[in-house]
Amino acid sequence: MSNEDLKPGEESFPEPAHLDAAARTAQKRRNLWLGLALLGFVFLVGLTTFVRLSGSQDNQANFYYNMNQTGQEETPALPPGMSPDQAAPPEVLSVDPEVSEEIIVEEETPEQ
């Protein structure tokens, strides 16, 4: 397809390079090493994440997010300097949410 056959706004893509057998073999070898390097990096990140998460103190941190899943019978001690009033949930939060009555506002239609 020549440049003369193109409509305005269209582009012509260059022809792909035709590689000989030696160049194609070298390209495949580089792609294999690049793939192995990427796979090794993904494995290293996954292993590092697993080791760091397995070493965390999940029982202590989990209490503050969900008391029912920790299996602890008694509540842990408050951090130094914190009063029970500071540790209590805000008054705005309640066990049963209040449902307000739905107010329907009727809009007047303009007379024509």
PDB file of N, CA and C in Angstrom:
ATOM      1  N   MET A   1       0.848  -1.157   0.000  1.00  0.00           N
ATOM      2  CA  MET A   1       0.000   0.000   0.000  1.00  0.00           C
ATOM      3  C   MET A   1       0.899   1.227   0.000  1.00  0.00           C
ATOM      4  N   SER A   2       0.749   2.071  -0.939  1.00  0.00           N
ATOM      5  CA  SER A   2       1.592   3.250  -1.034  1.00  0.00           C
ATOM      6  C   SER A   2       0.953   4.412  -0.296  1.00  0.00           C
ATOM      7  N   ASN A   3       1.731   5.443  -0.077  1.00  0.00           N
ATOM      8  CA  ASN A   3       1.235   6.614   0.641  1.00  0.00           C
ATOM      9  C   ASN A   3       0.146   7.340  -0.131  1.00  0.00           C
ATOM     10  N   GLU A   4       0.075   7.118  -1.434  1.00  0.00           N
ATOM     11  CA  GLU A   4      -0.921   7.794  -2.251  1.00  0.00           C
ATOM     12  C   GLU A   4      -2.307   7.202  -2.041  1.00  0.00           C
ATOM     13  N   ASP A   5      -2.411   5.934  -1.583  1.00  0.00           N
ATOM     14  CA  ASP A   5      -3.701   5.285  -1.399  1.00  0.00           C
ATOM     15  C   ASP A   5      -4.353   5.642  -0.063  1.00  0.00           C
ATOM     16  N   LEU A   6      -3.651   6.359   0.803  1.00  0.00           N
ATOM     17  CA  LEU A   6      -4.165   6.658   2.131  1.00  0.00           C
ATOM     18  C   LEU A   6      -5.145   7.816   2.091  1.00  0.00           C
ATOM     19  N   LYS A   7      -6.156   7.724   2.963  1.00  0.00           N
ATOM     20  CA  LYS A   7      -7.103   8.815   3.127  1.00  0.00           C
ATOM     21  C   LYS A   7      -6.495   9.825   4.083  1.00  0.00           C
ATOM     22  N   PRO A   8      -7.002  11.038   4.124  1.00  0.00           N
ATOM     23  CA  PRO A   8      -6.461  12.030   5.070  1.00  0.00           C
ATOM     24  C   PRO A   8      -6.663  11.552   6.507  1.00  0.00           C
ATOM     25  N   GLY A   9      -5.633  11.660   7.328  1.00  0.00           N
ATOM     26  CA  GLY A   9      -5.701  11.250   8.718  1.00  0.00           C
ATOM     27  C   GLY A   9      -5.240   9.827   8.966  1.00  0.00           C
ATOM     28  N   GLU A  10      -5.059   9.015   7.941  1.00  0.00           N
ATOM     29  CA  GLU A  10      -4.588   7.647   8.108  1.00  0.00           C
ATOM     30  C   GLU A  10      -3.071   7.613   8.052  1.00  0.00           C
ATOM     31  N   GLU A  11      -2.489   6.608   8.728  1.00  0.00           N
ATOM     32  CA  GLU A  11      -1.043   6.465   8.737  1.00  0.00           C
ATOM     33  C   GLU A  11      -0.649   5.153   8.089  1.00  0.00           C
ATOM     34  N   SER A  12       0.549   5.098   7.613  1.00  0.00           N
ATOM     35  CA  SER A  12       1.091   3.888   7.040  1.00  0.00           C
ATOM     36  C   SER A  12       2.104   3.319   8.020  1.00  0.00           C
ATOM     37  N   PHE A  13       1.966   2.067   8.378  1.00  0.00           N
ATOM     38  CA  PHE A  13       2.896   1.427   9.289  1.00  0.00           C
ATOM     39  C   PHE A  13       4.067   0.871   8.496  1.00  0.00           C
ATOM     40  N   PRO A  14       5.261   0.957   9.067  1.00  0.00           N
ATOM     41  CA  PRO A  14       6.427   0.423   8.348  1.00  0.00           C
ATOM     42  C   PRO A  14       6.373  -1.099   8.298  1.00  0.00           C
ATOM     43  N   GLU A  15       7.014  -1.641   7.324  1.00  0.00           N
ATOM     44  CA  GLU A  15       7.079  -3.091   7.182  1.00  0.00           C
ATOM     45  C   GLU A  15       7.929  -3.656   8.315  1.00  0.00           C
ATOM     46  N   PRO A  16       7.532  -4.796   8.902  1.00  0.00           N
ATOM     47  CA  PRO A  16       8.343  -5.382   9.973  1.00  0.00           C
ATOM     48  C   PRO A  16       9.681  -5.869   9.423  1.00  0.00           C
ATOM     49  N   ALA A  17      10.685  -5.832  10.282  1.00  0.00           N
ATOM     50  CA  ALA A  17      12.021  -6.263   9.883  1.00  0.00           C
ATOM     51  C   ALA A  17      12.031  -7.775   9.690  1.00  0.00           C
ATOM     52  N   HIS A  18      12.652  -8.212   8.644  1.00  0.00           N
ATOM     53  CA  HIS A  18      12.774  -9.647   8.376  1.00  0.00           C
ATOM     54  C   HIS A  18      14.146 -10.096   8.868  1.00  0.00           C
ATOM     55  N   LEU A  19      14.148 -10.914   9.913  1.00  0.00           N
ATOM     56  CA  LEU A  19      15.394 -11.357  10.521  1.00  0.00           C
ATOM     57  C   LEU A  19      15.824 -12.697   9.945  1.00  0.00           C
ATOM     58  N   ASP A  20      17.110 -12.871   9.842  1.00  0.00           N
ATOM     59  CA  ASP A  20      17.620 -14.169   9.402  1.00  0.00           C
ATOM     60  C   ASP A  20      17.589 -15.141  10.576  1.00  0.00           C
ATOM     61  N   ALA A  21      17.987 -16.373  10.371  1.00  0.00           N
ATOM     62  CA  ALA A  21      17.879 -17.423  11.380  1.00  0.00           C
ATOM     63  C   ALA A  21      18.749 -17.125  12.605  1.00  0.00           C
ATOM     64  N   ALA A  22      19.929 -16.603  12.427  1.00  0.00           N
ATOM     65  CA  ALA A  22      20.811 -16.315  13.559  1.00  0.00           C
ATOM     66  C   ALA A  22      20.239 -15.184  14.422  1.00  0.00           C
ATOM     67  N   ALA A  23      19.714 -14.149  13.770  1.00  0.00           N
ATOM     68  CA  ALA A  23      19.132 -13.022  14.522  1.00  0.00           C
ATOM     69  C   ALA A  23      17.884 -13.477  15.266  1.00  0.00           C
ATOM     70  N   ARG A  24      17.066 -14.326  14.637  1.00  0.00           N
ATOM     71  CA  ARG A  24      15.845 -14.832  15.290  1.00  0.00           C
ATOM     72  C   ARG A  24      16.202 -15.692  16.504  1.00  0.00           C
ATOM     73  N   THR A  25      17.246 -16.509  16.400  1.00  0.00           N
ATOM     74  CA  THR A  25      17.694 -17.336  17.526  1.00  0.00           C
ATOM     75  C   THR A  25      18.186 -16.467  18.676  1.00  0.00           C
ATOM     76  N   ALA A  26      18.962 -15.415  18.349  1.00  0.00           N
ATOM     77  CA  ALA A  26      19.451 -14.509  19.390  1.00  0.00           C
ATOM     78  C   ALA A  26      18.286 -13.778  20.060  1.00  0.00           C
ATOM     79  N   GLN A  27      17.271 -13.394  19.286  1.00  0.00           N
ATOM     80  CA  GLN A  27      16.104 -12.707  19.841  1.00  0.00           C
ATOM     81  C   GLN A  27      15.335 -13.624  20.796  1.00  0.00           C
ATOM     82  N   LYS A  28      15.164 -14.881  20.418  1.00  0.00           N
ATOM     83  CA  LYS A  28      14.466 -15.832  21.283  1.00  0.00           C
ATOM     84  C   LYS A  28      15.233 -16.073  22.576  1.00  0.00           C
ATOM     85  N   ARG A  29      16.584 -16.145  22.490  1.00  0.00           N
ATOM     86  CA  ARG A  29      17.392 -16.357  23.677  1.00  0.00           C
ATOM     87  C   ARG A  29      17.278 -15.153  24.622  1.00  0.00           C
ATOM     88  N   ARG A  30      17.309 -13.936  24.083  1.00  0.00           N
ATOM     89  CA  ARG A  30      17.139 -12.745  24.927  1.00  0.00           C
ATOM     90  C   ARG A  30      15.757 -12.714  25.567  1.00  0.00           C
ATOM     91  N   ASN A  31      14.734 -13.078  24.829  1.00  0.00           N
ATOM     92  CA  ASN A  31      13.373 -13.103  25.378  1.00  0.00           C
ATOM     93  C   ASN A  31      13.245 -14.151  26.480  1.00  0.00           C
ATOM     94  N   LEU A  32      13.912 -15.288  26.324  1.00  0.00           N
ATOM     95  CA  LEU A  32      13.874 -16.323  27.356  1.00  0.00           C
ATOM     96  C   LEU A  32      14.523 -15.827  28.635  1.00  0.00           C
ATOM     97  N   TRP A  33      15.690 -15.187  28.536  1.00  0.00           N
ATOM     98  CA  TRP A  33      16.375 -14.671  29.724  1.00  0.00           C
ATOM     99  C   TRP A  33      15.569 -13.543  30.379  1.00  0.00           C
ATOM    100  N   LEU A  34      14.941 -12.710  29.574  1.00  0.00           N
ATOM    101  CA  LEU A  34      14.106 -11.647  30.125  1.00  0.00           C
ATOM    102  C   LEU A  34      12.908 -12.237  30.863  1.00  0.00           C
ATOM    103  N   GLY A  35      12.282 -13.253  30.291  1.00  0.00           N
ATOM    104  CA  GLY A  35      11.158 -13.922  30.956  1.00  0.00           C
ATOM    105  C   GLY A  35      11.576 -14.581  32.258  1.00  0.00           C
ATOM    106  N   LEU A  36      12.733 -15.246  32.266  1.00  0.00           N
ATOM    107  CA  LEU A  36      13.223 -15.867  33.499  1.00  0.00           C
ATOM    108  C   LEU A  36      13.542 -14.814  34.566  1.00  0.00           C
ATOM    109  N   ALA A  37      14.092 -13.675  34.158  1.00  0.00           N
ATOM    110  CA  ALA A  37      14.383 -12.604  35.115  1.00  0.00           C
ATOM    111  C   ALA A  37      13.089 -12.056  35.716  1.00  0.00           C
ATOM    112  N   LEU A  38      12.074 -11.863  34.888  1.00  0.00           N
ATOM    113  CA  LEU A  38      10.787 -11.375  35.396  1.00  0.00           C
ATOM    114  C   LEU A  38      10.141 -12.396  36.324  1.00  0.00           C
ATOM    115  N   LEU A  39      10.215 -13.650  35.978  1.00  0.00           N
ATOM    116  CA  LEU A  39       9.657 -14.706  36.827  1.00  0.00           C
ATOM    117  C   LEU A  39      10.385 -14.757  38.170  1.00  0.00           C
ATOM    118  N   GLY A  40      11.706 -14.625  38.153  1.00  0.00           N
ATOM    119  CA  GLY A  40      12.478 -14.594  39.390  1.00  0.00           C
ATOM    120  C   GLY A  40      12.110 -13.400  40.258  1.00  0.00           C
ATOM    121  N   PHE A  41      11.886 -12.236  39.647  1.00  0.00           N
ATOM    122  CA  PHE A  41      11.496 -11.051  40.396  1.00  0.00           C
ATOM    123  C   PHE A  41      10.124 -11.238  41.046  1.00  0.00           C
ATOM    124  N   VAL A  42       9.171 -11.790  40.316  1.00  0.00           N
ATOM    125  CA  VAL A  42       7.841 -12.043  40.872  1.00  0.00           C
ATOM    126  C   VAL A  42       7.933 -13.033  42.028  1.00  0.00           C
ATOM    127  N   PHE A  43       8.729 -14.069  41.879  1.00  0.00           N
ATOM    128  CA  PHE A  43       8.915 -15.046  42.953  1.00  0.00           C
ATOM    129  C   PHE A  43       9.540 -14.384  44.174  1.00  0.00           C
ATOM    130  N   LEU A  44      10.536 -13.535  43.971  1.00  0.00           N
ATOM    131  CA  LEU A  44      11.200 -12.856  45.080  1.00  0.00           C
ATOM    132  C   LEU A  44      10.239 -11.929  45.823  1.00  0.00           C
ATOM    133  N   VAL A  45       9.416 -11.195  45.109  1.00  0.00           N
ATOM    134  CA  VAL A  45       8.433 -10.311  45.748  1.00  0.00           C
ATOM    135  C   VAL A  45       7.411 -11.134  46.524  1.00  0.00           C
ATOM    136  N   GLY A  46       6.936 -12.224  45.946  1.00  0.00           N
ATOM    137  CA  GLY A  46       5.972 -13.081  46.641  1.00  0.00           C
ATOM    138  C   GLY A  46       6.566 -13.708  47.889  1.00  0.00           C
ATOM    139  N   LEU A  47       7.787 -14.181  47.803  1.00  0.00           N
ATOM    140  CA  LEU A  47       8.454 -14.785  48.963  1.00  0.00           C
ATOM    141  C   LEU A  47       8.666 -13.752  50.062  1.00  0.00           C
ATOM    142  N   THR A  48       9.105 -12.561  49.703  1.00  0.00           N
ATOM    143  CA  THR A  48       9.313 -11.486  50.682  1.00  0.00           C
ATOM    144  C   THR A  48       7.998 -11.124  51.365  1.00  0.00           C
ATOM    145  N   THR A  49       6.931 -11.016  50.606  1.00  0.00           N
ATOM    146  CA  THR A  49       5.620 -10.694  51.181  1.00  0.00           C
ATOM    147  C   THR A  49       5.172 -11.785  52.131  1.00  0.00           C
ATOM    148  N   PHE A  50       5.338 -13.036  51.745  1.00  0.00           N
ATOM    149  CA  PHE A  50       4.935 -14.151  52.601  1.00  0.00           C
ATOM    150  C   PHE A  50       5.706 -14.146  53.914  1.00  0.00           C
ATOM    151  N   VAL A  51       7.010 -13.927  53.849  1.00  0.00           N
ATOM    152  CA  VAL A  51       7.836 -13.936  55.058  1.00  0.00           C
ATOM    153  C   VAL A  51       7.453 -12.779  55.970  1.00  0.00           C
ATOM    154  N   ARG A  52       7.232 -11.610  55.416  1.00  0.00           N
ATOM    155  CA  ARG A  52       6.891 -10.457  56.249  1.00  0.00           C
ATOM    156  C   ARG A  52       5.517 -10.619  56.875  1.00  0.00           C
ATOM    157  N   LEU A  53       4.546 -11.174  56.157  1.00  0.00           N
ATOM    158  CA  LEU A  53       3.210 -11.350  56.718  1.00  0.00           C
ATOM    159  C   LEU A  53       3.178 -12.471  57.745  1.00  0.00           C
ATOM    160  N   SER A  54       3.964 -13.507  57.552  1.00  0.00           N
ATOM    161  CA  SER A  54       3.959 -14.613  58.509  1.00  0.00           C
ATOM    162  C   SER A  54       4.644 -14.222  59.812  1.00  0.00           C
ATOM    163  N   GLY A  55       5.530 -13.236  59.784  1.00  0.00           N
ATOM    164  CA  GLY A  55       6.218 -12.804  60.984  1.00  0.00           C
ATOM    165  C   GLY A  55       5.497 -11.714  61.750  1.00  0.00           C
ATOM    166  N   SER A  56       4.364 -11.231  61.237  1.00  0.00           N
ATOM    167  CA  SER A  56       3.666 -10.142  61.925  1.00  0.00           C
ATOM    168  C   SER A  56       2.895 -10.674  63.126  1.00  0.00           C
ATOM    169  N   GLN A  57       2.622  -9.795  64.062  1.00  0.00           N
ATOM    170  CA  GLN A  57       1.871 -10.170  65.256  1.00  0.00           C
ATOM    171  C   GLN A  57       0.394  -9.928  64.958  1.00  0.00           C
ATOM    172  N   ASP A  58      -0.210 -10.876  64.278  1.00  0.00           N
ATOM    173  CA  ASP A  58      -1.589 -10.724  63.810  1.00  0.00           C
ATOM    174  C   ASP A  58      -2.572 -10.650  64.960  1.00  0.00           C
ATOM    175  N   ASN A  59      -2.351 -11.406  66.029  1.00  0.00           N
ATOM    176  CA  ASN A  59      -3.318 -11.423  67.120  1.00  0.00           C
ATOM    177  C   ASN A  59      -3.459 -10.068  67.779  1.00  0.00           C
ATOM    178  N   GLN A  60      -2.377  -9.347  67.943  1.00  0.00           N
ATOM    179  CA  GLN A  60      -2.458  -8.047  68.593  1.00  0.00           C
ATOM    180  C   GLN A  60      -3.075  -7.005  67.672  1.00  0.00           C
ATOM    181  N   ALA A  61      -2.722  -7.003  66.402  1.00  0.00           N
ATOM    182  CA  ALA A  61      -3.227  -5.984  65.491  1.00  0.00           C
ATOM    183  C   ALA A  61      -4.676  -6.248  65.108  1.00  0.00           C
ATOM    184  N   ASN A  62      -5.078  -7.496  65.051  1.00  0.00           N
ATOM    185  CA  ASN A  62      -6.420  -7.830  64.593  1.00  0.00           C
ATOM    186  C   ASN A  62      -7.492  -7.396  65.589  1.00  0.00           C
ATOM    187  N   PHE A  63      -7.154  -7.246  66.845  1.00  0.00           N
ATOM    188  CA  PHE A  63      -8.157  -6.895  67.845  1.00  0.00           C
ATOM    189  C   PHE A  63      -8.804  -5.557  67.527  1.00  0.00           C
ATOM    190  N   TYR A  64      -8.027  -4.627  67.091  1.00  0.00           N
ATOM    191  CA  TYR A  64      -8.546  -3.288  66.871  1.00  0.00           C
ATOM    192  C   TYR A  64      -9.467  -3.216  65.666  1.00  0.00           C
ATOM    193  N   TYR A  65      -9.430  -4.200  64.810  1.00  0.00           N
ATOM    194  CA  TYR A  65     -10.285  -4.190  63.638  1.00  0.00           C
ATOM    195  C   TYR A  65     -11.508  -5.082  63.801  1.00  0.00           C
ATOM    196  N   ASN A  66     -11.368  -6.218  64.459  1.00  0.00           N
ATOM    197  CA  ASN A  66     -12.499  -7.124  64.618  1.00  0.00           C
ATOM    198  C   ASN A  66     -12.266  -7.990  65.852  1.00  0.00           C
ATOM    199  N   MET A  67     -12.962  -7.681  66.933  1.00  0.00           N
ATOM    200  CA  MET A  67     -12.755  -8.391  68.194  1.00  0.00           C
ATOM    201  C   MET A  67     -13.216  -9.844  68.124  1.00  0.00           C
ATOM    202  N   ASN A  68     -14.207 -10.140  67.314  1.00  0.00           N
ATOM    203  CA  ASN A  68     -14.805 -11.476  67.305  1.00  0.00           C
ATOM    204  C   ASN A  68     -13.905 -12.522  66.656  1.00  0.00           C
ATOM    205  N   GLN A  69     -12.956 -12.146  65.840  1.00  0.00           N
ATOM    206  CA  GLN A  69     -12.141 -13.118  65.124  1.00  0.00           C
ATOM    207  C   GLN A  69     -10.837 -13.444  65.826  1.00  0.00           C
ATOM    208  N   THR A  70     -10.494 -12.750  66.890  1.00  0.00           N
ATOM    209  CA  THR A  70      -9.197 -12.977  67.512  1.00  0.00           C
ATOM    210  C   THR A  70      -9.202 -14.167  68.451  1.00  0.00           C
ATOM    211  N   GLY A  71     -10.348 -14.531  69.010  1.00  0.00           N
ATOM    212  CA  GLY A  71     -10.418 -15.629  69.957  1.00  0.00           C
ATOM    213  C   GLY A  71     -10.014 -15.211  71.354  1.00  0.00           C
ATOM    214  N   GLN A  72      -9.820 -13.940  71.584  1.00  0.00           N
ATOM    215  CA  GLN A  72      -9.444 -13.465  72.907  1.00  0.00           C
ATOM    216  C   GLN A  72     -10.697 -13.271  73.745  1.00  0.00           C
ATOM    217  N   GLU A  73     -10.655 -13.767  74.967  1.00  0.00           N
ATOM    218  CA  GLU A  73     -11.798 -13.648  75.866  1.00  0.00           C
ATOM    219  C   GLU A  73     -11.828 -12.291  76.555  1.00  0.00           C
ATOM    220  N   GLU A  74     -10.665 -11.803  76.946  1.00  0.00           N
ATOM    221  CA  GLU A  74     -10.618 -10.538  77.662  1.00  0.00           C
ATOM    222  C   GLU A  74     -10.067  -9.460  76.745  1.00  0.00           C
ATOM    223  N   THR A  75     -10.473  -8.237  77.009  1.00  0.00           N
ATOM    224  CA  THR A  75     -10.000  -7.138  76.180  1.00  0.00           C
ATOM    225  C   THR A  75      -8.566  -6.805  76.556  1.00  0.00           C
ATOM    226  N   PRO A  76      -7.749  -6.447  75.593  1.00  0.00           N
ATOM    227  CA  PRO A  76      -6.365  -6.118  75.905  1.00  0.00           C
ATOM    228  C   PRO A  76      -6.287  -4.773  76.637  1.00  0.00           C
ATOM    229  N   ALA A  77      -5.183  -4.534  77.291  1.00  0.00           N
ATOM    230  CA  ALA A  77      -4.976  -3.286  78.009  1.00  0.00           C
ATOM    231  C   ALA A  77      -4.874  -2.138  77.019  1.00  0.00           C
ATOM    232  N   LEU A  78      -5.339  -0.983  77.454  1.00  0.00           N
ATOM    233  CA  LEU A  78      -5.263   0.203  76.612  1.00  0.00           C
ATOM    234  C   LEU A  78      -3.815   0.672  76.526  1.00  0.00           C
ATOM    235  N   PRO A  79      -3.472   1.328  75.431  1.00  0.00           N
ATOM    236  CA  PRO A  79      -2.113   1.870  75.314  1.00  0.00           C
ATOM    237  C   PRO A  79      -1.851   2.890  76.423  1.00  0.00           C
ATOM    238  N   PRO A  80      -0.608   3.085  76.798  1.00  0.00           N
ATOM    239  CA  PRO A  80      -0.293   4.042  77.867  1.00  0.00           C
ATOM    240  C   PRO A  80      -0.776   5.447  77.501  1.00  0.00           C
ATOM    241  N   GLY A  81      -1.438   6.090  78.451  1.00  0.00           N
ATOM    242  CA  GLY A  81      -1.908   7.454  78.242  1.00  0.00           C
ATOM    243  C   GLY A  81      -3.295   7.546  77.645  1.00  0.00           C
ATOM    244  N   MET A  82      -3.948   6.424  77.329  1.00  0.00           N
ATOM    245  CA  MET A  82      -5.289   6.465  76.739  1.00  0.00           C
ATOM    246  C   MET A  82      -6.311   6.124  77.811  1.00  0.00           C
ATOM    247  N   SER A  83      -7.354   6.948  77.885  1.00  0.00           N
ATOM    248  CA  SER A  83      -8.410   6.701  78.862  1.00  0.00           C
ATOM    249  C   SER A  83      -9.503   5.850  78.219  1.00  0.00           C
ATOM    250  N   PRO A  84     -10.338   5.202  79.032  1.00  0.00           N
ATOM    251  CA  PRO A  84     -11.448   4.424  78.463  1.00  0.00           C
ATOM    252  C   PRO A  84     -12.407   5.276  77.650  1.00  0.00           C
ATOM    253  N   ASP A  85     -12.550   6.553  78.007  1.00  0.00           N
ATOM    254  CA  ASP A  85     -13.425   7.429  77.227  1.00  0.00           C
ATOM    255  C   ASP A  85     -12.863   7.652  75.826  1.00  0.00           C
ATOM    256  N   GLN A  86     -11.555   7.743  75.717  1.00  0.00           N
ATOM    257  CA  GLN A  86     -10.944   7.921  74.407  1.00  0.00           C
ATOM    258  C   GLN A  86     -11.053   6.661  73.564  1.00  0.00           C
ATOM    259  N   ALA A  87     -11.062   5.503  74.195  1.00  0.00           N
ATOM    260  CA  ALA A  87     -11.124   4.236  73.467  1.00  0.00           C
ATOM    261  C   ALA A  87     -12.549   3.878  73.064  1.00  0.00           C
ATOM    262  N   ALA A  88     -13.537   4.500  73.671  1.00  0.00           N
ATOM    263  CA  ALA A  88     -14.937   4.178  73.364  1.00  0.00           C
ATOM    264  C   ALA A  88     -15.281   4.661  71.958  1.00  0.00           C
ATOM    265  N   PRO A  89     -16.191   3.964  71.277  1.00  0.00           N
ATOM    266  CA  PRO A  89     -16.588   4.423  69.941  1.00  0.00           C
ATOM    267  C   PRO A  89     -17.363   5.734  70.044  1.00  0.00           C
ATOM    268  N   PRO A  90     -17.383   6.526  69.000  1.00  0.00           N
ATOM    269  CA  PRO A  90     -18.118   7.784  69.021  1.00  0.00           C
ATOM    270  C   PRO A  90     -19.604   7.559  69.264  1.00  0.00           C
ATOM    271  N   GLU A  91     -20.249   8.551  69.873  1.00  0.00           N
ATOM    272  CA  GLU A  91     -21.674   8.426  70.170  1.00  0.00           C
ATOM    273  C   GLU A  91     -22.506   8.380  68.905  1.00  0.00           C
ATOM    274  N   VAL A  92     -21.980   8.909  67.816  1.00  0.00           N
ATOM    275  CA  VAL A  92     -22.721   8.928  66.557  1.00  0.00           C
ATOM    276  C   VAL A  92     -22.964   7.503  66.062  1.00  0.00           C
ATOM    277  N   LEU A  93     -22.021   6.605  66.330  1.00  0.00           N
ATOM    278  CA  LEU A  93     -22.179   5.222  65.917  1.00  0.00           C
ATOM    279  C   LEU A  93     -23.101   4.503  66.878  1.00  0.00           C
ATOM    280  N   SER A  94     -24.011   3.728  66.359  1.00  0.00           N
ATOM    281  CA  SER A  94     -24.907   2.950  67.210  1.00  0.00           C
ATOM    282  C   SER A  94     -25.011   1.545  66.649  1.00  0.00           C
ATOM    283  N   VAL A  95     -25.511   0.619  67.485  1.00  0.00           N
ATOM    284  CA  VAL A  95     -25.644  -0.769  67.054  1.00  0.00           C
ATOM    285  C   VAL A  95     -26.726  -0.880  65.987  1.00  0.00           C
ATOM    286  N   ASP A  96     -27.876  -0.282  66.251  1.00  0.00           N
ATOM    287  CA  ASP A  96     -28.973  -0.295  65.289  1.00  0.00           C
ATOM    288  C   ASP A  96     -29.074   1.068  64.630  1.00  0.00           C
ATOM    289  N   PRO A  97     -28.904   1.148  63.336  1.00  0.00           N
ATOM    290  CA  PRO A  97     -28.976   2.456  62.685  1.00  0.00           C
ATOM    291  C   PRO A  97     -30.389   3.004  62.743  1.00  0.00           C
ATOM    292  N   GLU A  98     -30.476   4.304  62.918  1.00  0.00           N
ATOM    293  CA  GLU A  98     -31.775   4.948  62.954  1.00  0.00           C
ATOM    294  C   GLU A  98     -32.228   5.191  61.522  1.00  0.00           C
ATOM    295  N   VAL A  99     -33.461   4.825  61.240  1.00  0.00           N
ATOM    296  CA  VAL A  99     -34.008   5.029  59.913  1.00  0.00           C
ATOM    297  C   VAL A  99     -34.978   6.190  59.998  1.00  0.00           C
ATOM    298  N   SER A 100     -34.654   7.252  59.306  1.00  0.00           N
ATOM    299  CA  SER A 100     -35.541   8.412  59.330  1.00  0.00           C
ATOM    300  C   SER A 100     -36.678   8.184  58.336  1.00  0.00           C
ATOM    301  N   GLU A 101     -37.788   8.840  58.617  1.00  0.00           N
ATOM    302  CA  GLU A 101     -38.939   8.701  57.726  1.00  0.00           C
ATOM    303  C   GLU A 101     -38.620   9.364  56.405  1.00  0.00           C
ATOM    304  N   GLU A 102     -39.104   8.759  55.363  1.00  0.00           N
ATOM    305  CA  GLU A 102     -38.853   9.291  54.038  1.00  0.00           C
ATOM    306  C   GLU A 102     -39.793  10.456  53.785  1.00  0.00           C
ATOM    307  N   ILE A 103     -39.232  11.582  53.419  1.00  0.00           N
ATOM    308  CA  ILE A 103     -40.019  12.777  53.154  1.00  0.00           C
ATOM    309  C   ILE A 103     -40.117  12.933  51.648  1.00  0.00           C
ATOM    310  N   ILE A 104     -41.342  13.005  51.184  1.00  0.00           N
ATOM    311  CA  ILE A 104     -41.589  13.153  49.755  1.00  0.00           C
ATOM    312  C   ILE A 104     -41.979  14.598  49.505  1.00  0.00           C
ATOM    313  N   VAL A 105     -41.251  15.259  48.656  1.00  0.00           N
ATOM    314  CA  VAL A 105     -41.529  16.641  48.318  1.00  0.00           C
ATOM    315  C   VAL A 105     -42.121  16.654  46.923  1.00  0.00           C
ATOM    316  N   GLU A 106     -43.320  17.190  46.841  1.00  0.00           N
ATOM    317  CA  GLU A 106     -43.975  17.275  45.536  1.00  0.00           C
ATOM    318  C   GLU A 106     -43.666  18.630  44.935  1.00  0.00           C
ATOM    319  N   GLU A 107     -43.184  18.602  43.737  1.00  0.00           N
ATOM    320  CA  GLU A 107     -42.863  19.847  43.067  1.00  0.00           C
ATOM    321  C   GLU A 107     -44.064  20.310  42.275  1.00  0.00           C
ATOM    322  N   GLU A 108     -44.305  21.610  42.322  1.00  0.00           N
ATOM    323  CA  GLU A 108     -45.424  22.162  41.561  1.00  0.00           C
ATOM    324  C   GLU A 108     -45.022  22.298  40.116  1.00  0.00           C
ATOM    325  N   THR A 109     -45.909  21.931  39.251  1.00  0.00           N
ATOM    326  CA  THR A 109     -45.645  22.084  37.826  1.00  0.00           C
ATOM    327  C   THR A 109     -46.096  23.482  37.406  1.00  0.00           C
ATOM    328  N   PRO A 110     -45.284  24.153  36.664  1.00  0.00           N
ATOM    329  CA  PRO A 110     -45.684  25.501  36.236  1.00  0.00           C
ATOM    330  C   PRO A 110     -46.863  25.449  35.257  1.00  0.00           C
ATOM    331  N   GLU A 111     -47.733  26.408  35.434  1.00  0.00           N
ATOM    332  CA  GLU A 111     -48.893  26.473  34.527  1.00  0.00           C
ATOM    333  C   GLU A 111     -48.473  27.030  33.185  1.00  0.00           C
ATOM    334  N   GLN A 112     -49.089  26.460  32.167  1.00  0.00           N
ATOM    335  CA  GLN A 112     -48.709  26.919  30.822  1.00  0.00           C
ATOM    336  C   GLN A 112     -49.840  27.658  30.186  1.00  0.00           C
TER     337      GLN A 112
END
